[in-house]
Protein backbone atom coordinates (compact mmCIF):
# COMPACT_ATOMS: atom_id res chain seq x y z
CA MET A 1 91.61 333.00 140.83
CA SER A 2 90.34 336.18 140.00
CA LEU A 3 87.09 337.89 140.66
CA GLU A 4 85.86 337.87 136.89
CA LYS A 5 87.23 334.20 136.52
CA ARG A 6 85.08 333.05 139.89
CA ILE A 7 81.88 334.81 138.43
CA ILE A 8 81.95 333.79 134.91
CA LYS A 9 82.96 329.79 136.41
CA TRP A 10 80.03 330.34 138.73
CA ILE A 11 77.36 330.80 135.92
CA LYS A 12 78.88 328.47 133.52
CA ASP A 13 78.35 325.64 136.94
CA TYR A 14 74.78 326.99 137.45
CA THR A 15 73.93 326.31 133.82
CA LYS A 16 75.32 323.47 133.29
CA LYS A 17 73.64 322.08 135.94
CA SER A 18 70.12 323.35 135.34
CA GLU A 19 70.48 322.16 131.97
CA THR A 20 69.82 325.30 130.01
CA ASP A 21 70.76 326.51 126.77
CA SER A 22 71.05 329.90 127.42
CA LEU A 23 71.19 333.26 129.30
CA VAL A 24 68.93 336.33 128.49
CA ILE A 25 69.52 339.97 129.98
CA GLY A 26 67.85 343.54 129.92
CA VAL A 27 70.46 345.76 128.77
CA SER A 28 69.54 349.14 130.23
CA GLY A 29 72.96 351.41 129.50
CA GLY A 30 73.75 351.33 132.95
CA ILE A 31 76.54 349.88 134.25
CA ASP A 32 75.02 346.74 136.05
CA SER A 33 73.46 345.41 133.57
CA ALA A 34 76.82 346.34 131.45
CA LEU A 35 78.95 344.38 133.85
CA THR A 36 76.52 341.28 134.19
CA SER A 37 76.24 340.92 130.06
CA THR A 38 79.86 340.77 129.88
CA LEU A 39 80.56 338.23 131.74
CA CYS A 40 77.76 336.23 130.68
CA ALA A 41 79.47 336.34 127.16
CA MET A 42 82.58 335.32 128.47
CA THR A 43 81.12 332.45 129.12
CA GLY A 44 80.74 331.31 125.91
CA ALA A 45 77.21 330.25 126.73
CA LYS A 46 74.60 331.79 124.24
CA THR A 47 74.04 335.12 125.37
CA ILE A 48 71.07 337.07 124.47
CA LEU A 49 70.89 340.84 125.08
CA VAL A 50 67.45 342.60 125.33
CA SER A 51 66.98 346.27 124.96
CA LEU A 52 63.11 346.50 126.38
CA PRO A 53 62.48 350.43 125.60
CA ILE A 54 59.25 352.16 127.50
CA HIS A 55 59.48 355.54 126.64
CA GLN A 56 62.99 355.64 127.48
CA ASN A 57 65.32 358.37 127.69
CA LEU A 58 67.20 358.77 124.14
CA SER A 59 70.54 358.73 126.23
CA HIS A 60 70.15 355.67 127.80
CA LEU A 61 68.92 353.63 124.34
CA ASP A 62 72.15 355.01 122.95
CA ARG A 63 74.35 353.83 125.39
CA ALA A 64 73.00 350.04 125.36
CA ASN A 65 73.09 349.93 121.98
CA LYS A 66 76.45 350.93 122.04
CA HIS A 67 77.63 348.31 124.43
CA ILE A 68 75.59 345.60 122.37
CA SER A 69 77.48 346.73 119.65
CA PHE A 70 80.45 346.50 121.40
CA LEU A 71 79.65 342.80 122.66
CA LYS A 72 78.31 341.34 119.33
CA ASN A 73 81.37 342.50 117.85
CA LYS A 74 83.45 340.86 120.65
CA PHE A 75 81.64 337.78 121.47
CA SER A 76 80.56 335.15 118.85
CA ASN A 77 77.75 333.68 121.39
CA VAL A 78 76.18 337.27 121.45
CA GLU A 79 72.83 338.06 120.29
CA SER A 80 70.49 340.43 120.33
CA LYS A 81 67.05 341.60 120.49
CA GLU A 82 65.31 345.48 120.71
CA ILE A 83 61.48 345.30 121.61
CA ASP A 84 59.58 348.11 122.03
CA LEU A 85 56.94 348.19 124.92
CA THR A 86 55.64 351.51 124.63
CA LYS A 87 52.01 351.21 123.24
CA THR A 88 52.11 348.01 125.39
CA PHE A 89 52.95 349.79 128.30
CA ASP A 90 50.82 352.84 127.26
CA SER A 91 47.57 350.03 126.26
CA PHE A 92 47.95 348.96 130.04
CA SER A 93 48.05 352.00 131.88
CA SER A 94 45.10 353.08 129.93
CA LEU A 95 43.06 350.39 132.10
CA PHE A 96 43.18 352.48 134.97
CA GLU A 97 41.19 356.30 135.51
CA THR A 98 43.67 357.40 138.30
CA LYS A 99 47.16 357.70 137.74
CA ASN A 100 49.72 356.61 139.82
CA LYS A 101 53.51 358.06 138.98
CA LEU A 102 55.11 354.61 141.40
CA ALA A 103 52.71 351.70 140.53
CA GLU A 104 53.32 353.04 136.61
CA ALA A 105 57.75 353.06 137.13
CA ASN A 106 57.02 349.25 138.79
CA SER A 107 55.00 348.59 136.20
CA ARG A 108 57.53 349.40 133.20
CA SER A 109 59.86 346.90 135.32
CA ARG A 110 57.26 343.89 135.40
CA LEU A 111 56.67 344.40 131.73
CA ARG A 112 60.05 343.75 131.03
CA MET A 113 60.72 340.93 133.59
CA LEU A 114 57.81 339.14 131.69
CA THR A 115 59.31 339.65 128.17
CA LEU A 116 62.47 338.38 129.26
CA TYR A 117 60.70 335.19 130.37
CA HIS A 118 58.51 334.94 127.64
CA ILE A 119 62.04 334.76 126.08
CA ALA A 120 63.54 332.73 128.00
CA THR A 121 61.13 329.50 127.87
CA MET A 122 61.05 329.77 124.16
CA LYS A 123 65.26 329.49 124.01
CA LYS A 124 65.41 327.44 126.95
CA GLY A 125 67.71 330.03 129.11
CA LEU A 126 67.78 331.66 132.11
CA VAL A 127 67.25 335.11 133.26
CA VAL A 128 70.19 337.02 134.71
CA GLY A 129 69.79 339.60 137.32
CA THR A 130 71.53 342.75 137.10
CA GLY A 131 71.23 344.13 140.37
CA ASN A 132 74.23 344.96 142.80
CA LYS A 133 74.64 344.55 146.42
CA VAL A 134 74.02 347.69 148.03
CA GLU A 135 70.93 347.46 145.56
CA ASP A 136 69.11 343.92 146.61
CA PHE A 137 70.78 343.42 150.40
CA GLY A 138 70.84 347.34 151.46
CA ILE A 139 67.69 349.14 150.33
CA GLY A 140 66.01 346.70 148.40
CA PHE A 141 65.86 349.29 145.21
CA TYR A 142 64.32 347.06 142.63
CA THR A 143 60.69 346.35 141.91
CA LYS A 144 59.59 343.63 143.40
CA TYR A 145 58.70 340.73 140.76
CA GLY A 146 60.19 343.10 138.35
CA ASP A 147 63.51 343.24 137.56
CA GLY A 148 63.90 341.50 141.23
CA GLY A 149 61.77 338.61 139.14
CA VAL A 150 65.28 336.53 137.74
CA ASP A 151 66.58 333.13 137.91
CA ILE A 152 70.44 334.05 138.91
CA SER A 153 72.22 337.06 140.10
CA PRO A 154 75.96 337.34 139.25
CA ILE A 155 77.03 340.66 140.62
CA ALA A 156 74.75 340.24 143.69
CA ASP A 157 77.34 340.06 145.97
CA LEU A 158 79.31 343.52 144.65
CA MET A 159 78.84 346.46 146.24
CA LYS A 160 78.83 349.52 143.39
CA SER A 161 82.80 350.50 143.67
CA GLU A 162 83.30 346.58 143.18
CA VAL A 163 81.46 346.91 140.02
CA ARG A 164 82.73 349.95 138.63
CA ASP A 165 86.34 348.38 138.99
CA LEU A 166 85.61 345.44 137.28
CA ALA A 167 83.58 347.04 134.54
CA LYS A 168 87.24 349.09 134.29
CA SER A 169 89.09 345.72 134.57
CA LEU A 170 86.98 344.49 131.10
CA ASN A 171 87.14 347.90 129.06
CA ILE A 172 83.46 348.47 129.18
CA ILE A 173 82.47 351.81 127.29
CA ASP A 174 83.87 354.36 129.62
CA GLU A 175 80.46 356.63 128.60
CA ILE A 176 78.67 353.50 130.55
CA ILE A 177 80.81 353.85 133.31
CA LYS A 178 80.14 357.53 134.02
CA ALA A 179 76.91 357.92 133.18
CA LYS A 180 75.00 358.39 136.63
CA PRO A 181 73.35 355.68 137.85
CA SER A 182 69.32 355.45 136.89
CA ASP A 183 66.73 352.57 137.01
CA GLY A 184 65.15 354.69 134.16
CA LEU A 185 61.52 353.68 135.04
CA TRP A 186 60.82 357.20 135.14
CA ASP A 187 59.52 360.05 132.23
CA ASP A 188 62.07 362.69 133.24
CA SER A 189 65.71 362.24 133.49
CA ARG A 190 66.19 361.31 137.75
CA SER A 191 68.92 359.13 138.96
CA ASP A 192 69.12 356.76 141.19
CA GLU A 193 70.61 359.23 143.83
CA ASP A 194 67.76 361.71 143.20
CA GLN A 195 65.36 358.86 144.11
CA ILE A 196 67.45 357.65 147.41
CA GLY A 197 68.61 360.84 148.74
CA ALA A 198 72.66 359.53 149.12
CA SER A 199 75.13 358.63 146.38
CA TYR A 200 76.36 354.66 146.37
CA GLU A 201 79.68 355.69 147.89
CA GLU A 202 77.52 357.04 151.05
CA LEU A 203 75.16 353.74 151.34
CA GLU A 204 78.16 351.24 150.59
CA TRP A 205 79.71 353.29 154.24
CA ALA A 206 76.48 353.18 155.80
CA MET A 207 76.18 349.29 155.03
CA ASN A 208 79.08 348.95 156.41
CA PHE A 209 78.75 350.75 159.31
CA ASN A 210 79.70 349.34 162.98
CA GLU A 211 78.51 351.48 165.45
CA ASN A 212 80.73 349.83 168.15
CA LYS A 213 84.23 351.11 165.92
CA ILE A 214 83.09 354.37 165.22
CA VAL A 215 85.94 356.85 166.56
CA GLY A 216 84.42 360.59 167.36
CA GLN A 217 80.92 361.70 166.37
CA MET A 218 79.57 361.23 163.00
CA ASN A 219 79.30 364.45 161.11
CA LYS A 220 75.58 366.07 160.23
CA ARG A 221 75.69 364.17 156.30
CA GLN A 222 76.49 361.18 157.77
CA GLN A 223 73.87 361.14 160.12
CA GLU A 224 71.47 361.90 157.42
CA VAL A 225 72.99 358.86 155.25
CA LEU A 226 72.84 356.39 158.17
CA LYS A 227 68.88 357.52 158.22
CA ILE A 228 67.95 356.93 154.60
CA TYR A 229 69.80 353.51 154.59
CA LYS A 230 67.80 352.44 157.63
CA LYS A 231 64.33 354.10 156.25
CA PHE A 232 65.09 351.97 152.81
CA ASN A 233 66.30 349.27 154.63
CA SER A 234 63.16 349.00 157.05
CA ARG A 235 60.72 349.85 154.25
CA ASN A 236 62.10 347.54 151.65
CA LYS A 237 62.77 344.45 153.66
CA HIS A 238 59.89 342.50 152.40
CA LYS A 239 61.81 342.13 149.25
CA MET A 240 64.75 341.16 150.87
CA ILE A 241 63.16 337.81 152.95
CA PRO A 242 61.01 334.80 152.32
CA ILE A 243 57.37 335.49 151.64
CA PRO A 244 55.52 334.92 154.89
CA ILE A 245 54.22 331.84 155.07
CA PHE A 246 51.23 330.78 157.72
CA LYS A 247 52.61 328.02 159.83
CA LYS A 248 49.64 325.29 160.41
């Protein structure tokens, strides 16, 4: 059975077991959400695509809309909603005299999570995560209780390269496949690589790095990438392990 069929079967089995009626996915214009939403649509279950702009980069919004149209034209079980959260976010942000860009970026993500769960509750659905393996289990590159707050994660065991390969095989819009990965949580156009300091290809290498199997000396860039990977993995470990609980 192909990878796409295995993932689709897994989603269908979980949906049936949980006795839910729909799949709710936030669509950002990036490859991860494009692939996840396509796989959900292929299950035949009601698939609700949600665009949640907050001071959104227009190119991201344009790609998201193109992908939503692509899926709606192809699958009768797909519907969509656009909920502009800009005014809601601005109202929340105005409560604080001191501004913190990181706090605001995380709050954007958490506001989107809140909205997705509101829709999922109304539609008796599951909130579907769009994180890949590098983000979710390598460097913890997501917002705790934001885009990390989901019910199921269909592509969380796929490396970024596997996401790209599967997206190509499913004929996802080339513009989305080629776009620089970005979390879209900032007012500028910074990419994931700008924030992390390494590309996903480099991070995959670091995740697979085995000190016992290395042949010869690592070059300077490899040393830098390994250091970046270890820093993020250590700093974000709290996202990737269960919440600490005091045991009496």
